[in-house]
Amino acid sequence: METKTYTQYGIFSIIILSLFALIGIVLLIIFGFKDTFISGVLLLVTLIMLICLLIFYKLTISIDNKIVSFKLGAGFISRTYSLLDIQSCQAVKNKPLYGIGIRIIPEGWLYNVSGLGAVELRFKSKSSVVRIGTDKPDEIAGYINKLLNNEHAATINTQNNRTSFMIPAIIIFVAFLLPVSLTLTSTRETTVLTAGTSLTVKGLYGLTINYQDIKTLDTISTFPSVKLRTNGISLANSLTGNFKLEGNEKAKLFIRYGIPPYIVIRTNNLNVYLNFADPVKSRQLFSTIKTSLGH
């Protein structure tokens, strides 16, 4: 008996994932290679988007007189079920809340790349159900039920490799975790070390400045206008990284905007602005650096 195959393409997934992958590539080309950490994050996120695209761009259901199987995308995730283990099959409509992707639903699992239509498989050996997204639920359910009524259906072991979707699930989790981690890191209070012969700013975009290289040290109460973020992060009132200020001044910022004073450190080839959320700490740091310079 020939195998019947039904394929549904996830147009929405293709558009969204391709767009995010393209944005990642563009950002990587424009900004990423100037900073190892940022380039690493952008490269990883872009690769994750491409992997997700390979997984969720289509869903293919295959049916013969022995099994019902499906695979997502290029086949990284696939499941196979014996007809002898299937109790029933019916066409269903998913709730919009269920969305697309791999989902845990109240009664079992949903695998879907587009739309609300699906076939629901119920089994003799377990209470949980499996829903498989498709744009032809009535046709597929009718065909499977016709096969279920055939007493000559052959026996085959059901393949239930739970690890088949663990790696993609971890990848998807990391894709969301990285931006959150980057956001939390960029908004964290700047740590500045002043011991010894140098000043060290820890964390994202961190740097070390030898005191002997400092040409001018000052504080300002009004921060210059920011013209361009060349390789930095701007979240709420937190500016971290490389920016271009008014007058085309290139500067590295570690500031909380709107909370003066701002410490300005200039060397022959570097302009650094930094402060803390607590103005008292900013003034104390300025005094410490000034003392270290022997002023």
C-alpha atoms as a PDB file:
ATOM      1  CA  MET A   1       0.000   0.000   0.000  1.00  0.00           C
ATOM      2  CA  GLU A   2       1.301   3.421  -0.932  1.00  0.00           C
ATOM      3  CA  THR A   3       2.111   6.028   1.672  1.00  0.00           C
ATOM      4  CA  LYS A   4      -0.038   9.136   1.713  1.00  0.00           C
ATOM      5  CA  THR A   5       1.746  12.350   2.569  1.00  0.00           C
ATOM      6  CA  TYR A   6       0.284  15.690   3.665  1.00  0.00           C
ATOM      7  CA  THR A   7       2.494  18.759   4.022  1.00  0.00           C
ATOM      8  CA  GLN A   8       1.615  22.123   5.554  1.00  0.00           C
ATOM      9  CA  TYR A   9       4.013  25.083   5.379  1.00  0.00           C
ATOM     10  CA  GLY A  10       4.367  27.493   8.284  1.00  0.00           C
ATOM     11  CA  ILE A  11       4.266  30.745   6.338  1.00  0.00           C
ATOM     12  CA  PHE A  12       4.097  32.889   9.499  1.00  0.00           C
ATOM     13  CA  SER A  13       7.025  31.034  11.067  1.00  0.00           C
ATOM     14  CA  ILE A  14       9.062  31.373   7.868  1.00  0.00           C
ATOM     15  CA  ILE A  15       8.471  35.141   7.695  1.00  0.00           C
ATOM     16  CA  ILE A  16       9.126  35.878  11.383  1.00  0.00           C
ATOM     17  CA  LEU A  17      12.152  33.609  11.825  1.00  0.00           C
ATOM     18  CA  SER A  18      13.689  34.739   8.524  1.00  0.00           C
ATOM     19  CA  LEU A  19      13.186  38.366   9.540  1.00  0.00           C
ATOM     20  CA  PHE A  20      14.870  37.882  12.933  1.00  0.00           C
ATOM     21  CA  ALA A  21      17.727  35.930  11.334  1.00  0.00           C
ATOM     22  CA  LEU A  22      18.197  38.710   8.765  1.00  0.00           C
ATOM     23  CA  ILE A  23      18.180  41.377  11.490  1.00  0.00           C
ATOM     24  CA  GLY A  24      20.777  39.361  13.422  1.00  0.00           C
ATOM     25  CA  ILE A  25      23.021  39.122  10.364  1.00  0.00           C
ATOM     26  CA  VAL A  26      22.699  42.852   9.627  1.00  0.00           C
ATOM     27  CA  LEU A  27      23.457  43.804  13.243  1.00  0.00           C
ATOM     28  CA  LEU A  28      26.384  41.405  13.271  1.00  0.00           C
ATOM     29  CA  ILE A  29      27.836  43.043  10.150  1.00  0.00           C
ATOM     30  CA  ILE A  30      27.221  46.631  11.322  1.00  0.00           C
ATOM     31  CA  PHE A  31      27.990  46.428  15.038  1.00  0.00           C
ATOM     32  CA  GLY A  32      28.934  42.973  16.218  1.00  0.00           C
ATOM     33  CA  PHE A  33      32.536  42.514  15.173  1.00  0.00           C
ATOM     34  CA  LYS A  34      33.641  45.510  17.240  1.00  0.00           C
ATOM     35  CA  ASP A  35      32.970  43.647  20.469  1.00  0.00           C
ATOM     36  CA  THR A  36      33.635  39.949  21.138  1.00  0.00           C
ATOM     37  CA  PHE A  37      30.747  39.478  23.571  1.00  0.00           C
ATOM     38  CA  ILE A  38      28.150  41.218  21.404  1.00  0.00           C
ATOM     39  CA  SER A  39      29.318  39.455  18.246  1.00  0.00           C
ATOM     40  CA  GLY A  40      29.115  36.114  20.075  1.00  0.00           C
ATOM     41  CA  VAL A  41      25.560  36.805  21.273  1.00  0.00           C
ATOM     42  CA  LEU A  42      24.401  38.011  17.853  1.00  0.00           C
ATOM     43  CA  LEU A  43      25.985  35.025  16.127  1.00  0.00           C
ATOM     44  CA  LEU A  44      24.395  32.560  18.553  1.00  0.00           C
ATOM     45  CA  VAL A  45      20.938  34.157  18.322  1.00  0.00           C
ATOM     46  CA  THR A  46      21.155  34.231  14.518  1.00  0.00           C
ATOM     47  CA  LEU A  47      22.116  30.550  14.400  1.00  0.00           C
ATOM     48  CA  ILE A  48      19.236  29.710  16.745  1.00  0.00           C
ATOM     49  CA  MET A  49      16.779  31.546  14.481  1.00  0.00           C
ATOM     50  CA  LEU A  50      18.101  29.622  11.463  1.00  0.00           C
ATOM     51  CA  ILE A  51      17.829  26.294  13.306  1.00  0.00           C
ATOM     52  CA  CYS A  52      14.265  27.119  14.370  1.00  0.00           C
ATOM     53  CA  LEU A  53      13.493  27.992  10.758  1.00  0.00           C
ATOM     54  CA  LEU A  54      14.733  24.558   9.659  1.00  0.00           C
ATOM     55  CA  ILE A  55      12.502  22.944  12.286  1.00  0.00           C
ATOM     56  CA  PHE A  56       9.257  24.897  11.919  1.00  0.00           C
ATOM     57  CA  TYR A  57       9.050  25.835   8.245  1.00  0.00           C
ATOM     58  CA  LYS A  58       6.786  22.857   7.506  1.00  0.00           C
ATOM     59  CA  LEU A  59       5.052  19.822   9.030  1.00  0.00           C
ATOM     60  CA  THR A  60       4.664  16.605   7.040  1.00  0.00           C
ATOM     61  CA  ILE A  61       2.254  13.797   7.987  1.00  0.00           C
ATOM     62  CA  SER A  62       2.793  10.349   6.442  1.00  0.00           C
ATOM     63  CA  ILE A  63       0.256   7.495   6.625  1.00  0.00           C
ATOM     64  CA  ASP A  64       0.338   3.905   5.402  1.00  0.00           C
ATOM     65  CA  ASN A  65      -1.465   0.709   6.468  1.00  0.00           C
ATOM     66  CA  LYS A  66       0.858   0.271   9.464  1.00  0.00           C
ATOM     67  CA  ILE A  67       1.769   3.628  10.901  1.00  0.00           C
ATOM     68  CA  VAL A  68       0.953   7.301  11.251  1.00  0.00           C
ATOM     69  CA  SER A  69       4.034   9.486  11.443  1.00  0.00           C
ATOM     70  CA  PHE A  70       4.993  13.125  11.162  1.00  0.00           C
ATOM     71  CA  LYS A  71       8.144  15.217  11.003  1.00  0.00           C
ATOM     72  CA  LEU A  72       8.767  18.890  11.565  1.00  0.00           C
ATOM     73  CA  GLY A  73      10.797  20.783   8.987  1.00  0.00           C
ATOM     74  CA  ALA A  74      13.961  19.001   7.930  1.00  0.00           C
ATOM     75  CA  GLY A  75      13.154  16.070  10.211  1.00  0.00           C
ATOM     76  CA  PHE A  76      15.002  16.994  13.413  1.00  0.00           C
ATOM     77  CA  ILE A  77      11.753  16.275  15.271  1.00  0.00           C
ATOM     78  CA  SER A  78       9.651  13.279  14.235  1.00  0.00           C
ATOM     79  CA  ARG A  79       7.243  10.810  15.828  1.00  0.00           C
ATOM     80  CA  THR A  80       5.782   7.507  14.652  1.00  0.00           C
ATOM     81  CA  TYR A  81       2.665   5.741  15.964  1.00  0.00           C
ATOM     82  CA  SER A  82       1.386   2.240  15.251  1.00  0.00           C
ATOM     83  CA  LEU A  83      -2.162   2.034  13.921  1.00  0.00           C
ATOM     84  CA  LEU A  84      -2.690  -0.872  16.347  1.00  0.00           C
ATOM     85  CA  ASP A  85      -2.039   1.505  19.267  1.00  0.00           C
ATOM     86  CA  ILE A  86      -4.355   4.274  18.034  1.00  0.00           C
ATOM     87  CA  GLN A  87      -7.833   4.175  19.591  1.00  0.00           C
ATOM     88  CA  SER A  88      -9.371   6.942  17.497  1.00  0.00           C
ATOM     89  CA  CYS A  89      -8.648   9.971  15.351  1.00  0.00           C
ATOM     90  CA  GLN A  90     -10.739  13.091  14.932  1.00  0.00           C
ATOM     91  CA  ALA A  91     -10.457  16.463  13.235  1.00  0.00           C
ATOM     92  CA  VAL A  92     -10.222  19.289  15.794  1.00  0.00           C
ATOM     93  CA  LYS A  93      -9.776  23.034  15.933  1.00  0.00           C
ATOM     94  CA  ASN A  94      -7.153  24.353  18.307  1.00  0.00           C
ATOM     95  CA  LYS A  95      -7.713  27.327  20.533  1.00  0.00           C
ATOM     96  CA  PRO A  96      -5.837  30.428  19.289  1.00  0.00           C
ATOM     97  CA  LEU A  97      -4.072  30.456  22.667  1.00  0.00           C
ATOM     98  CA  TYR A  98      -2.321  27.181  21.771  1.00  0.00           C
ATOM     99  CA  GLY A  99      -0.321  28.966  19.068  1.00  0.00           C
ATOM    100  CA  ILE A 100       2.313  27.283  16.928  1.00  0.00           C
ATOM    101  CA  GLY A 101       5.367  25.194  17.712  1.00  0.00           C
ATOM    102  CA  ILE A 102       5.579  22.366  20.231  1.00  0.00           C
ATOM    103  CA  ARG A 103       3.045  22.893  23.004  1.00  0.00           C
ATOM    104  CA  ILE A 104       1.769  21.123  26.097  1.00  0.00           C
ATOM    105  CA  ILE A 105      -2.028  21.276  25.999  1.00  0.00           C
ATOM    106  CA  PRO A 106      -4.489  20.194  28.728  1.00  0.00           C
ATOM    107  CA  GLU A 107      -4.758  16.605  27.474  1.00  0.00           C
ATOM    108  CA  GLY A 108      -1.356  16.024  25.872  1.00  0.00           C
ATOM    109  CA  TRP A 109       0.904  17.494  23.197  1.00  0.00           C
ATOM    110  CA  LEU A 110       0.423  19.724  20.157  1.00  0.00           C
ATOM    111  CA  TYR A 111       2.775  19.929  17.186  1.00  0.00           C
ATOM    112  CA  ASN A 112       1.839  22.763  14.864  1.00  0.00           C
ATOM    113  CA  VAL A 113       3.414  25.172  12.357  1.00  0.00           C
ATOM    114  CA  SER A 114       0.392  27.105  11.117  1.00  0.00           C
ATOM    115  CA  GLY A 115      -3.311  27.725  11.642  1.00  0.00           C
ATOM    116  CA  LEU A 116      -5.830  26.164  14.030  1.00  0.00           C
ATOM    117  CA  GLY A 117      -6.688  22.908  12.238  1.00  0.00           C
ATOM    118  CA  ALA A 118      -5.316  19.592  13.554  1.00  0.00           C
ATOM    119  CA  VAL A 119      -5.987  15.875  13.920  1.00  0.00           C
ATOM    120  CA  GLU A 120      -6.163  14.454  17.424  1.00  0.00           C
ATOM    121  CA  LEU A 121      -4.903  10.939  18.081  1.00  0.00           C
ATOM    122  CA  ARG A 122      -6.115   8.976  21.114  1.00  0.00           C
ATOM    123  CA  PHE A 123      -4.298   5.825  22.176  1.00  0.00           C
ATOM    124  CA  LYS A 124      -5.106   2.480  23.751  1.00  0.00           C
ATOM    125  CA  SER A 125      -1.951   2.402  25.868  1.00  0.00           C
ATOM    126  CA  LYS A 126      -1.996   5.913  27.371  1.00  0.00           C
ATOM    127  CA  SER A 127      -4.417   8.638  28.332  1.00  0.00           C
ATOM    128  CA  SER A 128      -2.552  11.617  26.803  1.00  0.00           C
ATOM    129  CA  VAL A 129      -3.454  12.715  23.293  1.00  0.00           C
ATOM    130  CA  VAL A 130      -1.363  13.998  20.413  1.00  0.00           C
ATOM    131  CA  ARG A 131      -2.534  16.778  18.145  1.00  0.00           C
ATOM    132  CA  ILE A 132      -0.814  17.266  14.796  1.00  0.00           C
ATOM    133  CA  GLY A 133      -1.437  20.523  12.963  1.00  0.00           C
ATOM    134  CA  THR A 134      -2.660  20.315   9.376  1.00  0.00           C
ATOM    135  CA  ASP A 135      -4.673  22.279   6.842  1.00  0.00           C
ATOM    136  CA  LYS A 136      -6.589  19.087   5.885  1.00  0.00           C
ATOM    137  CA  PRO A 137      -7.859  17.736   9.226  1.00  0.00           C
ATOM    138  CA  ASP A 138     -11.106  16.205   7.920  1.00  0.00           C
ATOM    139  CA  GLU A 139      -9.437  14.369   5.052  1.00  0.00           C
ATOM    140  CA  ILE A 140      -6.627  12.990   7.207  1.00  0.00           C
ATOM    141  CA  ALA A 141      -8.911  11.982  10.090  1.00  0.00           C
ATOM    142  CA  GLY A 142     -11.228  10.194   7.653  1.00  0.00           C
ATOM    143  CA  TYR A 143      -8.367   8.294   6.073  1.00  0.00           C
ATOM    144  CA  ILE A 144      -6.860   7.230   9.423  1.00  0.00           C
ATOM    145  CA  ASN A 145     -10.248   6.069  10.749  1.00  0.00           C
ATOM    146  CA  LYS A 146     -10.752   4.024   7.584  1.00  0.00           C
ATOM    147  CA  LEU A 147      -7.429   2.288   8.243  1.00  0.00           C
ATOM    148  CA  LEU A 148      -8.307   1.754  11.911  1.00  0.00           C
ATOM    149  CA  ASN A 149     -11.336  -0.244  10.807  1.00  0.00           C
ATOM    150  CA  ASN A 150      -9.126  -2.537   8.780  1.00  0.00           C
ATOM    151  CA  GLU A 151      -8.536  -5.631  10.934  1.00  0.00           C
ATOM    152  CA  HIS A 152      -5.461  -6.530   8.908  1.00  0.00           C
ATOM    153  CA  ALA A 153      -3.405  -3.562  10.065  1.00  0.00           C
ATOM    154  CA  ALA A 154       0.113  -4.816  10.760  1.00  0.00           C
ATOM    155  CA  THR A 155       1.940  -4.490  14.058  1.00  0.00           C
ATOM    156  CA  ILE A 156       4.809  -2.096  14.473  1.00  0.00           C
ATOM    157  CA  ASN A 157       6.564  -0.803  17.541  1.00  0.00           C
ATOM    158  CA  THR A 158       5.652   2.745  18.396  1.00  0.00           C
ATOM    159  CA  GLN A 159       8.620   5.017  18.398  1.00  0.00           C
ATOM    160  CA  ASN A 160       8.378   7.482  21.239  1.00  0.00           C
ATOM    161  CA  ASN A 161      11.777   9.058  21.434  1.00  0.00           C
ATOM    162  CA  ARG A 162      11.196  11.811  23.947  1.00  0.00           C
ATOM    163  CA  THR A 163      14.677  13.171  23.406  1.00  0.00           C
ATOM    164  CA  SER A 164      13.887  13.910  19.749  1.00  0.00           C
ATOM    165  CA  PHE A 165      12.577  17.335  20.651  1.00  0.00           C
ATOM    166  CA  MET A 166      14.678  18.084  23.744  1.00  0.00           C
ATOM    167  CA  ILE A 167      17.587  19.685  21.881  1.00  0.00           C
ATOM    168  CA  PRO A 168      15.379  22.033  19.813  1.00  0.00           C
ATOM    169  CA  ALA A 169      13.403  22.890  22.968  1.00  0.00           C
ATOM    170  CA  ILE A 170      16.631  23.826  24.757  1.00  0.00           C
ATOM    171  CA  ILE A 171      17.729  25.891  21.769  1.00  0.00           C
ATOM    172  CA  ILE A 172      14.424  27.778  21.751  1.00  0.00           C
ATOM    173  CA  PHE A 173      14.704  28.374  25.494  1.00  0.00           C
ATOM    174  CA  VAL A 174      18.214  29.777  25.108  1.00  0.00           C
ATOM    175  CA  ALA A 175      17.008  32.041  22.292  1.00  0.00           C
ATOM    176  CA  PHE A 176      14.678  33.759  24.740  1.00  0.00           C
ATOM    177  CA  LEU A 177      17.066  33.534  27.681  1.00  0.00           C
ATOM    178  CA  LEU A 178      19.952  35.339  25.996  1.00  0.00           C
ATOM    179  CA  PRO A 179      18.147  38.636  25.313  1.00  0.00           C
ATOM    180  CA  VAL A 180      16.798  38.630  28.880  1.00  0.00           C
ATOM    181  CA  SER A 181      20.273  37.962  30.259  1.00  0.00           C
ATOM    182  CA  LEU A 182      21.757  40.701  28.090  1.00  0.00           C
ATOM    183  CA  THR A 183      19.107  43.160  29.282  1.00  0.00           C
ATOM    184  CA  LEU A 184      19.717  42.390  32.952  1.00  0.00           C
ATOM    185  CA  THR A 185      23.485  42.657  32.496  1.00  0.00           C
ATOM    186  CA  SER A 186      23.330  46.007  30.721  1.00  0.00           C
ATOM    187  CA  THR A 187      21.094  47.605  33.368  1.00  0.00           C
ATOM    188  CA  ARG A 188      23.133  46.343  36.333  1.00  0.00           C
ATOM    189  CA  GLU A 189      25.015  48.935  38.391  1.00  0.00           C
ATOM    190  CA  THR A 190      28.498  49.563  37.010  1.00  0.00           C
ATOM    191  CA  THR A 191      31.360  48.137  39.080  1.00  0.00           C
ATOM    192  CA  VAL A 192      34.506  50.282  39.150  1.00  0.00           C
ATOM    193  CA  LEU A 193      37.830  49.205  40.688  1.00  0.00           C
ATOM    194  CA  THR A 194      40.346  51.932  41.547  1.00  0.00           C
ATOM    195  CA  ALA A 195      43.136  50.040  43.339  1.00  0.00           C
ATOM    196  CA  GLY A 196      46.717  50.096  42.089  1.00  0.00           C
ATOM    197  CA  THR A 197      47.869  52.110  39.101  1.00  0.00           C
ATOM    198  CA  SER A 198      44.745  51.780  36.989  1.00  0.00           C
ATOM    199  CA  LEU A 199      41.000  52.262  36.855  1.00  0.00           C
ATOM    200  CA  THR A 200      38.955  49.219  35.806  1.00  0.00           C
ATOM    201  CA  VAL A 201      35.298  49.209  34.767  1.00  0.00           C
ATOM    202  CA  LYS A 202      33.888  45.679  35.041  1.00  0.00           C
ATOM    203  CA  GLY A 203      31.090  44.011  33.096  1.00  0.00           C
ATOM    204  CA  LEU A 204      29.699  44.539  29.609  1.00  0.00           C
ATOM    205  CA  TYR A 205      32.014  46.751  27.496  1.00  0.00           C
ATOM    206  CA  GLY A 206      34.425  46.864  30.463  1.00  0.00           C
ATOM    207  CA  LEU A 207      37.861  48.446  30.165  1.00  0.00           C
ATOM    208  CA  THR A 208      41.019  49.357  32.079  1.00  0.00           C
ATOM    209  CA  ILE A 209      42.650  52.810  32.042  1.00  0.00           C
ATOM    210  CA  ASN A 210      46.098  53.446  33.434  1.00  0.00           C
ATOM    211  CA  TYR A 211      46.126  56.586  35.569  1.00  0.00           C
ATOM    212  CA  GLN A 212      49.231  57.823  33.776  1.00  0.00           C
ATOM    213  CA  ASP A 213      47.282  57.813  30.490  1.00  0.00           C
ATOM    214  CA  ILE A 214      44.525  60.104  31.787  1.00  0.00           C
ATOM    215  CA  LYS A 215      44.894  63.586  30.271  1.00  0.00           C
ATOM    216  CA  THR A 216      41.833  65.257  31.796  1.00  0.00           C
ATOM    217  CA  LEU A 217      39.412  64.395  34.589  1.00  0.00           C
ATOM    218  CA  ASP A 218      36.269  66.391  35.225  1.00  0.00           C
ATOM    219  CA  THR A 219      32.584  66.239  36.123  1.00  0.00           C
ATOM    220  CA  ILE A 220      29.629  67.705  34.254  1.00  0.00           C
ATOM    221  CA  SER A 221      26.036  68.240  35.317  1.00  0.00           C
ATOM    222  CA  THR A 222      24.471  68.236  31.837  1.00  0.00           C
ATOM    223  CA  PHE A 223      25.056  65.256  29.578  1.00  0.00           C
ATOM    224  CA  PRO A 224      25.745  65.880  25.850  1.00  0.00           C
ATOM    225  CA  SER A 225      23.156  64.841  23.282  1.00  0.00           C
ATOM    226  CA  VAL A 226      23.553  61.299  21.967  1.00  0.00           C
ATOM    227  CA  LYS A 227      23.666  61.251  18.165  1.00  0.00           C
ATOM    228  CA  LEU A 228      24.273  57.574  17.432  1.00  0.00           C
ATOM    229  CA  ARG A 229      24.656  54.222  19.182  1.00  0.00           C
ATOM    230  CA  THR A 230      27.584  52.631  17.337  1.00  0.00           C
ATOM    231  CA  ASN A 231      27.955  49.501  19.470  1.00  0.00           C
ATOM    232  CA  GLY A 232      26.107  49.798  22.736  1.00  0.00           C
ATOM    233  CA  ILE A 233      22.885  49.200  24.612  1.00  0.00           C
ATOM    234  CA  SER A 234      20.313  51.821  25.582  1.00  0.00           C
ATOM    235  CA  LEU A 235      17.602  50.644  27.967  1.00  0.00           C
ATOM    236  CA  ALA A 236      15.448  53.003  30.031  1.00  0.00           C
ATOM    237  CA  ASN A 237      17.955  55.534  31.453  1.00  0.00           C
ATOM    238  CA  SER A 238      20.930  53.176  31.172  1.00  0.00           C
ATOM    239  CA  LEU A 239      23.489  53.808  28.409  1.00  0.00           C
ATOM    240  CA  THR A 240      26.292  51.271  28.111  1.00  0.00           C
ATOM    241  CA  GLY A 241      28.861  50.841  25.362  1.00  0.00           C
ATOM    242  CA  ASN A 242      30.066  52.883  22.393  1.00  0.00           C
ATOM    243  CA  PHE A 243      28.140  55.972  21.317  1.00  0.00           C
ATOM    244  CA  LYS A 244      28.643  59.094  19.235  1.00  0.00           C
ATOM    245  CA  LEU A 245      27.790  62.335  21.027  1.00  0.00           C
ATOM    246  CA  GLU A 246      27.168  65.858  19.807  1.00  0.00           C
ATOM    247  CA  GLY A 247      30.110  67.310  17.956  1.00  0.00           C
ATOM    248  CA  ASN A 248      30.851  63.796  16.578  1.00  0.00           C
ATOM    249  CA  GLU A 249      32.632  62.878  19.796  1.00  0.00           C
ATOM    250  CA  LYS A 250      33.186  59.136  20.088  1.00  0.00           C
ATOM    251  CA  ALA A 251      32.731  57.976  23.674  1.00  0.00           C
ATOM    252  CA  LYS A 252      32.338  54.884  25.805  1.00  0.00           C
ATOM    253  CA  LEU A 253      29.445  55.321  28.235  1.00  0.00           C
ATOM    254  CA  PHE A 254      28.606  53.707  31.562  1.00  0.00           C
ATOM    255  CA  ILE A 255      25.914  56.089  32.726  1.00  0.00           C
ATOM    256  CA  ARG A 256      22.476  56.451  34.230  1.00  0.00           C
ATOM    257  CA  TYR A 257      20.989  59.303  32.233  1.00  0.00           C
ATOM    258  CA  GLY A 258      19.435  62.160  34.175  1.00  0.00           C
ATOM    259  CA  ILE A 259      21.400  61.548  37.389  1.00  0.00           C
ATOM    260  CA  PRO A 260      24.345  63.992  37.525  1.00  0.00           C
ATOM    261  CA  PRO A 261      27.180  64.390  38.132  1.00  0.00           C
ATOM    262  CA  TYR A 262      28.789  62.568  35.217  1.00  0.00           C
ATOM    263  CA  ILE A 263      32.501  61.774  35.453  1.00  0.00           C
ATOM    264  CA  VAL A 264      34.439  62.511  32.260  1.00  0.00           C
ATOM    265  CA  ILE A 265      37.790  60.789  31.676  1.00  0.00           C
ATOM    266  CA  ARG A 266      39.839  61.574  28.591  1.00  0.00           C
ATOM    267  CA  THR A 267      43.000  59.926  27.288  1.00  0.00           C
ATOM    268  CA  ASN A 268      44.726  60.447  23.956  1.00  0.00           C
ATOM    269  CA  ASN A 269      42.392  58.030  22.207  1.00  0.00           C
ATOM    270  CA  LEU A 270      39.494  57.439  24.573  1.00  0.00           C
ATOM    271  CA  ASN A 271      36.621  59.413  26.070  1.00  0.00           C
ATOM    272  CA  VAL A 272      34.764  57.760  28.954  1.00  0.00           C
ATOM    273  CA  TYR A 273      31.644  58.961  30.743  1.00  0.00           C
ATOM    274  CA  LEU A 274      30.429  57.193  33.865  1.00  0.00           C
ATOM    275  CA  ASN A 275      28.272  57.673  36.927  1.00  0.00           C
ATOM    276  CA  PHE A 276      26.068  55.767  39.378  1.00  0.00           C
ATOM    277  CA  ALA A 277      22.374  55.783  40.235  1.00  0.00           C
ATOM    278  CA  ASP A 278      23.452  57.360  43.543  1.00  0.00           C
ATOM    279  CA  PRO A 279      25.057  60.820  42.993  1.00  0.00           C
ATOM    280  CA  VAL A 280      26.981  60.457  46.253  1.00  0.00           C
ATOM    281  CA  LYS A 281      28.787  57.397  44.879  1.00  0.00           C
ATOM    282  CA  SER A 282      29.609  59.305  41.696  1.00  0.00           C
ATOM    283  CA  ARG A 283      31.197  62.153  43.660  1.00  0.00           C
ATOM    284  CA  GLN A 284      33.104  59.704  45.859  1.00  0.00           C
ATOM    285  CA  LEU A 285      34.485  57.909  42.785  1.00  0.00           C
ATOM    286  CA  PHE A 286      35.573  61.211  41.264  1.00  0.00           C
ATOM    287  CA  SER A 287      37.433  62.131  44.481  1.00  0.00           C
ATOM    288  CA  THR A 288      39.119  58.712  44.563  1.00  0.00           C
ATOM    289  CA  ILE A 289      40.321  58.984  40.957  1.00  0.00           C
ATOM    290  CA  LYS A 290      41.480  62.541  41.544  1.00  0.00           C
ATOM    291  CA  THR A 291      43.481  61.439  44.568  1.00  0.00           C
ATOM    292  CA  SER A 292      45.033  58.565  42.611  1.00  0.00           C
ATOM    293  CA  LEU A 293      46.147  61.067  39.962  1.00  0.00           C
ATOM    294  CA  GLY A 294      47.874  63.097  42.677  1.00  0.00           C
ATOM    295  CA  HIS A 295      45.674  66.163  42.192  1.00  0.00           C
END
